[in-house]
PDB file of N, CA and C in Angstrom:
ATOM      1  N   MET A   1      86.505 116.388 101.046  1.00  0.00           N
ATOM      2  CA  MET A   1      85.911 114.750 101.228  1.00  0.00           C
ATOM      3  C   MET A   1      87.624 113.926 100.928  1.00  0.00           C
ATOM      4  N   ILE A   2      88.432 114.093  99.971  1.00  0.00           N
ATOM      5  CA  ILE A   2      89.011 113.607  98.435  1.00  0.00           C
ATOM      6  C   ILE A   2      89.876 113.915  99.883  1.00  0.00           C
ATOM      7  N   THR A   3      90.128 114.841  99.879  1.00  0.00           N
ATOM      8  CA  THR A   3      91.869 114.948 100.235  1.00  0.00           C
ATOM      9  C   THR A   3      91.627 114.656 102.121  1.00  0.00           C
ATOM     10  N   ALA A   4      90.897 114.582 102.565  1.00  0.00           N
ATOM     11  CA  ALA A   4      91.205 114.075 104.128  1.00  0.00           C
ATOM     12  C   ALA A   4      90.821 112.510 103.406  1.00  0.00           C
ATOM     13  N   GLY A   5      90.594 111.829 102.962  1.00  0.00           N
ATOM     14  CA  GLY A   5      90.366 111.061 102.856  1.00  0.00           C
ATOM     15  C   GLY A   5      91.598 110.238 102.527  1.00  0.00           C
ATOM     16  N   VAL A   6      92.280 110.926 101.304  1.00  0.00           N
ATOM     17  CA  VAL A   6      93.682 110.798 100.665  1.00  0.00           C
ATOM     18  C   VAL A   6      94.697 110.884 102.214  1.00  0.00           C
ATOM     19  N   LEU A   7      94.786 111.960 103.050  1.00  0.00           N
ATOM     20  CA  LEU A   7      96.125 112.396 104.398  1.00  0.00           C
ATOM     21  C   LEU A   7      95.757 111.079 104.751  1.00  0.00           C
ATOM     22  N   VAL A   8      94.069 110.407 105.032  1.00  0.00           N
ATOM     23  CA  VAL A   8      93.945 109.182 106.282  1.00  0.00           C
ATOM     24  C   VAL A   8      94.915 108.250 105.699  1.00  0.00           C
ATOM     25  N   VAL A   9      94.414 108.426 104.554  1.00  0.00           N
ATOM     26  CA  VAL A   9      95.649 106.494 103.870  1.00  0.00           C
ATOM     27  C   VAL A   9      96.838 107.229 103.841  1.00  0.00           C
ATOM     28  N   LEU A  10      97.484 108.076 103.700  1.00  0.00           N
ATOM     29  CA  LEU A  10      99.185 108.335 104.008  1.00  0.00           C
ATOM     30  C   LEU A  10      99.332 108.295 105.578  1.00  0.00           C
ATOM     31  N   ILE A  11      98.696 108.858 106.564  1.00  0.00           N
ATOM     32  CA  ILE A  11      98.733 108.363 107.853  1.00  0.00           C
ATOM     33  C   ILE A  11      98.784 107.291 108.487  1.00  0.00           C
ATOM     34  N   VAL A  12      97.876 106.548 107.886  1.00  0.00           N
ATOM     35  CA  VAL A  12      97.788 104.927 108.532  1.00  0.00           C
ATOM     36  C   VAL A  12      99.338 104.267 107.221  1.00  0.00           C
ATOM     37  N   LEU A  13      99.287 104.463 106.310  1.00  0.00           N
ATOM     38  CA  LEU A  13     100.410 103.965 105.350  1.00  0.00           C
ATOM     39  C   LEU A  13     102.004 104.472 106.402  1.00  0.00           C
ATOM     40  N   PHE A  14     102.066 105.284 106.808  1.00  0.00           N
ATOM     41  CA  PHE A  14     102.933 106.001 107.540  1.00  0.00           C
ATOM     42  C   PHE A  14     103.332 105.395 108.714  1.00  0.00           C
ATOM     43  N   ALA A  15     102.362 105.106 109.302  1.00  0.00           N
ATOM     44  CA  ALA A  15     102.409 104.160 110.531  1.00  0.00           C
ATOM     45  C   ALA A  15     102.910 103.073 110.606  1.00  0.00           C
ATOM     46  N   ILE A  16     102.180 102.383 109.264  1.00  0.00           N
ATOM     47  CA  ILE A  16     102.241 100.835 108.992  1.00  0.00           C
ATOM     48  C   ILE A  16     104.247 100.654 109.155  1.00  0.00           C
ATOM     49  N   ALA A  17     104.695 101.491 108.209  1.00  0.00           N
ATOM     50  CA  ALA A  17     105.649 101.075 107.908  1.00  0.00           C
ATOM     51  C   ALA A  17     107.360 101.670 108.851  1.00  0.00           C
ATOM     52  N   ASN A  18     106.506 102.528 109.820  1.00  0.00           N
ATOM     53  CA  ASN A  18     107.087 102.756 111.633  1.00  0.00           C
ATOM     54  C   ASN A  18     106.467 102.295 112.555  1.00  0.00           C
ATOM     55  N   SER A  19     107.158 100.844 112.969  1.00  0.00           N
ATOM     56  CA  SER A  19     106.414 100.448 113.875  1.00  0.00           C
ATOM     57  C   SER A  19     107.300  99.676 114.786  1.00  0.00           C
ATOM     58  N   GLN A  20     108.756 100.059 115.140  1.00  0.00           N
ATOM     59  CA  GLN A  20     109.245  99.728 116.190  1.00  0.00           C
ATOM     60  C   GLN A  20     108.809 101.040 116.885  1.00  0.00           C
ATOM     61  N   THR A  21     109.667 100.426 118.440  1.00  0.00           N
ATOM     62  CA  THR A  21     108.991 100.749 119.684  1.00  0.00           C
ATOM     63  C   THR A  21     110.148 102.433 119.554  1.00  0.00           C
ATOM     64  N   VAL A  22     109.760 103.083 120.621  1.00  0.00           N
ATOM     65  CA  VAL A  22     110.309 104.897 120.510  1.00  0.00           C
ATOM     66  C   VAL A  22     110.304 104.823 122.081  1.00  0.00           C
ATOM     67  N   THR A  23     111.207 105.686 122.414  1.00  0.00           N
ATOM     68  CA  THR A  23     111.041 105.740 123.939  1.00  0.00           C
ATOM     69  C   THR A  23     111.257 107.683 124.137  1.00  0.00           C
ATOM     70  N   ILE A  24     109.743 107.759 124.683  1.00  0.00           N
ATOM     71  CA  ILE A  24     108.964 109.216 124.643  1.00  0.00           C
ATOM     72  C   ILE A  24     109.442 109.807 126.206  1.00  0.00           C
ATOM     73  N   HIS A  25     109.660 110.783 125.917  1.00  0.00           N
ATOM     74  CA  HIS A  25     110.096 111.981 126.943  1.00  0.00           C
ATOM     75  C   HIS A  25     109.308 113.042 127.462  1.00  0.00           C
ATOM     76  N   TRP A  26     108.115 112.535 128.329  1.00  0.00           N
ATOM     77  CA  TRP A  26     107.031 113.593 128.114  1.00  0.00           C
ATOM     78  C   TRP A  26     107.801 114.675 129.710  1.00  0.00           C
ATOM     79  N   TRP A  27     106.889 115.464 130.248  1.00  0.00           N
ATOM     80  CA  TRP A  27     107.023 116.691 130.826  1.00  0.00           C
ATOM     81  C   TRP A  27     107.760 116.180 132.272  1.00  0.00           C
ATOM     82  N   PHE A  28     106.572 115.411 132.416  1.00  0.00           N
ATOM     83  CA  PHE A  28     106.057 115.003 134.065  1.00  0.00           C
ATOM     84  C   PHE A  28     106.340 113.671 134.383  1.00  0.00           C
ATOM     85  N   ILE A  29     106.108 112.929 133.141  1.00  0.00           N
ATOM     86  CA  ILE A  29     106.865 111.339 133.582  1.00  0.00           C
ATOM     87  C   ILE A  29     108.027 111.428 133.021  1.00  0.00           C
ATOM     88  N   THR A  30     108.610 110.402 133.520  1.00  0.00           N
ATOM     89  CA  THR A  30     110.077 110.119 132.910  1.00  0.00           C
ATOM     90  C   THR A  30     110.680 109.895 131.095  1.00  0.00           C
ATOM     91  N   THR A  31     110.357 108.187 131.267  1.00  0.00           N
ATOM     92  CA  THR A  31     110.159 107.828 129.965  1.00  0.00           C
ATOM     93  C   THR A  31     108.873 106.198 129.725  1.00  0.00           C
ATOM     94  N   THR A  32     108.732 106.929 128.487  1.00  0.00           N
ATOM     95  CA  THR A  32     107.937 105.756 128.818  1.00  0.00           C
ATOM     96  C   THR A  32     108.155 104.786 127.134  1.00  0.00           C
ATOM     97  N   GLN A  33     107.607 103.334 127.171  1.00  0.00           N
ATOM     98  CA  GLN A  33     108.444 103.231 125.927  1.00  0.00           C
ATOM     99  C   GLN A  33     106.819 102.406 125.325  1.00  0.00           C
ATOM    100  N   THR A  34     106.852 103.237 123.739  1.00  0.00           N
ATOM    101  CA  THR A  34     105.717 103.374 122.943  1.00  0.00           C
ATOM    102  C   THR A  34     106.014 103.056 121.784  1.00  0.00           C
ATOM    103  N   PRO A  35     104.558 101.781 120.884  1.00  0.00           N
ATOM    104  CA  PRO A  35     105.118 101.979 119.130  1.00  0.00           C
ATOM    105  C   PRO A  35     104.719 102.950 119.193  1.00  0.00           C
ATOM    106  N   MET A  36     105.897 103.227 117.958  1.00  0.00           N
ATOM    107  CA  MET A  36     105.537 104.762 117.186  1.00  0.00           C
ATOM    108  C   MET A  36     104.548 104.400 116.157  1.00  0.00           C
ATOM    109  N   ILE A  37     104.166 104.021 116.079  1.00  0.00           N
ATOM    110  CA  ILE A  37     102.068 103.558 115.061  1.00  0.00           C
ATOM    111  C   ILE A  37     101.543 104.377 116.321  1.00  0.00           C
ATOM    112  N   VAL A  38     101.645 104.338 117.615  1.00  0.00           N
ATOM    113  CA  VAL A  38     100.866 105.211 118.497  1.00  0.00           C
ATOM    114  C   VAL A  38     100.874 106.115 118.320  1.00  0.00           C
ATOM    115  N   VAL A  39     101.986 106.741 118.580  1.00  0.00           N
ATOM    116  CA  VAL A  39     102.390 108.018 118.075  1.00  0.00           C
ATOM    117  C   VAL A  39     102.220 108.919 116.784  1.00  0.00           C
ATOM    118  N   ILE A  40     102.545 108.031 115.960  1.00  0.00           N
ATOM    119  CA  ILE A  40     101.796 108.364 114.616  1.00  0.00           C
ATOM    120  C   ILE A  40     100.245 108.676 114.806  1.00  0.00           C
ATOM    121  N   ALA A  41      99.494 108.175 114.905  1.00  0.00           N
ATOM    122  CA  ALA A  41      98.371 107.851 115.409  1.00  0.00           C
ATOM    123  C   ALA A  41      98.049 109.119 116.247  1.00  0.00           C
ATOM    124  N   GLY A  42      98.454 109.181 117.536  1.00  0.00           N
ATOM    125  CA  GLY A  42      97.601 110.082 118.414  1.00  0.00           C
ATOM    126  C   GLY A  42      98.467 111.695 117.554  1.00  0.00           C
ATOM    127  N   CYS A  43      99.120 111.651 117.084  1.00  0.00           N
ATOM    128  CA  CYS A  43      99.725 112.894 116.447  1.00  0.00           C
ATOM    129  C   CYS A  43      98.542 113.641 115.156  1.00  0.00           C
ATOM    130  N   GLY A  44      98.261 112.443 114.338  1.00  0.00           N
ATOM    131  CA  GLY A  44      97.103 113.081 113.140  1.00  0.00           C
ATOM    132  C   GLY A  44      96.382 113.139 113.862  1.00  0.00           C
ATOM    133  N   LEU A  45      95.414 112.320 114.832  1.00  0.00           N
ATOM    134  CA  LEU A  45      94.385 112.503 115.281  1.00  0.00           C
ATOM    135  C   LEU A  45      94.191 114.217 116.122  1.00  0.00           C
ATOM    136  N   ILE A  46      95.336 114.480 116.757  1.00  0.00           N
ATOM    137  CA  ILE A  46      95.419 115.709 117.576  1.00  0.00           C
ATOM    138  C   ILE A  46      95.399 116.482 115.955  1.00  0.00           C
ATOM    139  N   GLY A  47      95.908 116.692 115.459  1.00  0.00           N
ATOM    140  CA  GLY A  47      95.773 117.471 114.007  1.00  0.00           C
ATOM    141  C   GLY A  47      94.876 117.454 113.718  1.00  0.00           C
ATOM    142  N   PHE A  48      94.054 117.139 113.159  1.00  0.00           N
ATOM    143  CA  PHE A  48      92.473 116.578 113.077  1.00  0.00           C
ATOM    144  C   PHE A  48      91.390 117.297 113.736  1.00  0.00           C
ATOM    145  N   ALA A  49      91.809 117.315 115.341  1.00  0.00           N
ATOM    146  CA  ALA A  49      90.599 117.173 116.137  1.00  0.00           C
ATOM    147  C   ALA A  49      91.076 119.068 115.871  1.00  0.00           C
ATOM    148  N   VAL A  50      92.422 120.125 116.006  1.00  0.00           N
ATOM    149  CA  VAL A  50      93.013 121.301 115.870  1.00  0.00           C
ATOM    150  C   VAL A  50      92.245 121.269 114.594  1.00  0.00           C
ATOM    151  N   GLY A  51      92.248 120.831 113.298  1.00  0.00           N
ATOM    152  CA  GLY A  51      91.234 121.976 112.445  1.00  0.00           C
ATOM    153  C   GLY A  51      90.077 121.394 112.223  1.00  0.00           C
ATOM    154  N   TRP A  52      90.037 121.102 112.765  1.00  0.00           N
ATOM    155  CA  TRP A  52      88.461 120.788 112.997  1.00  0.00           C
ATOM    156  C   TRP A  52      87.544 121.889 113.668  1.00  0.00           C
ATOM    157  N   MET A  53      88.473 122.340 114.874  1.00  0.00           N
ATOM    158  CA  MET A  53      88.354 123.129 115.756  1.00  0.00           C
ATOM    159  C   MET A  53      88.014 124.584 115.241  1.00  0.00           C
ATOM    160  N   PHE A  54      89.007 124.995 114.454  1.00  0.00           N
ATOM    161  CA  PHE A  54      89.494 125.879 114.000  1.00  0.00           C
ATOM    162  C   PHE A  54      88.341 126.374 112.312  1.00  0.00           C
ATOM    163  N   ALA A  55      88.275 125.396 112.436  1.00  0.00           N
ATOM    164  CA  ALA A  55      87.180 124.888 110.451  1.00  0.00           C
ATOM    165  C   ALA A  55      85.979 125.997 111.189  1.00  0.00           C
ATOM    166  N   ARG A  56      85.691 125.137 112.363  1.00  0.00           N
ATOM    167  CA  ARG A  56      84.456 125.671 113.039  1.00  0.00           C
ATOM    168  C   ARG A  56      84.058 126.933 113.520  1.00  0.00           C
ATOM    169  N   ARG A  57      84.819 127.670 114.416  1.00  0.00           N
ATOM    170  CA  ARG A  57      85.007 128.603 114.520  1.00  0.00           C
ATOM    171  C   ARG A  57      85.163 129.749 113.590  1.00  0.00           C
ATOM    172  N   ARG A  58      86.202 129.431 112.120  1.00  0.00           N
ATOM    173  CA  ARG A  58      85.698 130.245 110.949  1.00  0.00           C
ATOM    174  C   ARG A  58      84.707 129.889 110.585  1.00  0.00           C
ATOM    175  N   ALA A  59      84.315 129.213 110.224  1.00  0.00           N
ATOM    176  CA  ALA A  59      82.514 128.997 109.791  1.00  0.00           C
ATOM    177  C   ALA A  59      81.737 130.089 111.173  1.00  0.00           C
ATOM    178  N   ALA A  60      81.925 129.856 111.918  1.00  0.00           N
ATOM    179  CA  ALA A  60      80.860 130.234 112.579  1.00  0.00           C
ATOM    180  C   ALA A  60      80.956 132.088 112.707  1.00  0.00           C
ATOM    181  N   SER A  61      82.123 132.245 112.458  1.00  0.00           N
ATOM    182  CA  SER A  61      82.632 133.639 112.468  1.00  0.00           C
ATOM    183  C   SER A  61      80.931 134.711 111.003  1.00  0.00           C
ATOM    184  N   ARG A  62      81.897 133.695 110.294  1.00  0.00           N
ATOM    185  CA  ARG A  62      81.182 133.903 109.265  1.00  0.00           C
ATOM    186  C   ARG A  62      79.522 133.849 108.804  1.00  0.00           C
ATOM    187  N   GLY A  63      79.294 133.155 109.748  1.00  0.00           N
ATOM    188  CA  GLY A  63      77.363 133.389 109.990  1.00  0.00           C
ATOM    189  C   GLY A  63      76.932 132.027 109.341  1.00  0.00           C
ATOM    190  N   ALA A  64      77.881 131.179 108.718  1.00  0.00           N
ATOM    191  CA  ALA A  64      77.870 129.849 108.246  1.00  0.00           C
ATOM    192  C   ALA A  64      77.249 128.483 109.122  1.00  0.00           C
ATOM    193  N   PRO A  65      76.347 128.163 108.368  1.00  0.00           N
ATOM    194  CA  PRO A  65      74.945 127.159 109.247  1.00  0.00           C
ATOM    195  C   PRO A  65      76.096 126.227 110.083  1.00  0.00           C
ATOM    196  N   ARG A  66      75.825 125.165 111.024  1.00  0.00           N
ATOM    197  CA  ARG A  66      76.981 124.473 111.818  1.00  0.00           C
ATOM    198  C   ARG A  66      76.688 122.724 111.185  1.00  0.00           C
TER     199      ARG A  66
END
């Protein structure tokens, strides 16, 4: 729990320090102008979700209660 809290604080500080607007090239949409804080927060949330899903899957395979 402490590690997760430290990681959240680091991501927030990193996002605040990088507040300029960046151009994102998507596969289907040509380009969009997005604040870097949104990109960093989105990547952090995606990373959290993927880690959480793998942790649940590992716990389920070991027979641990959810």
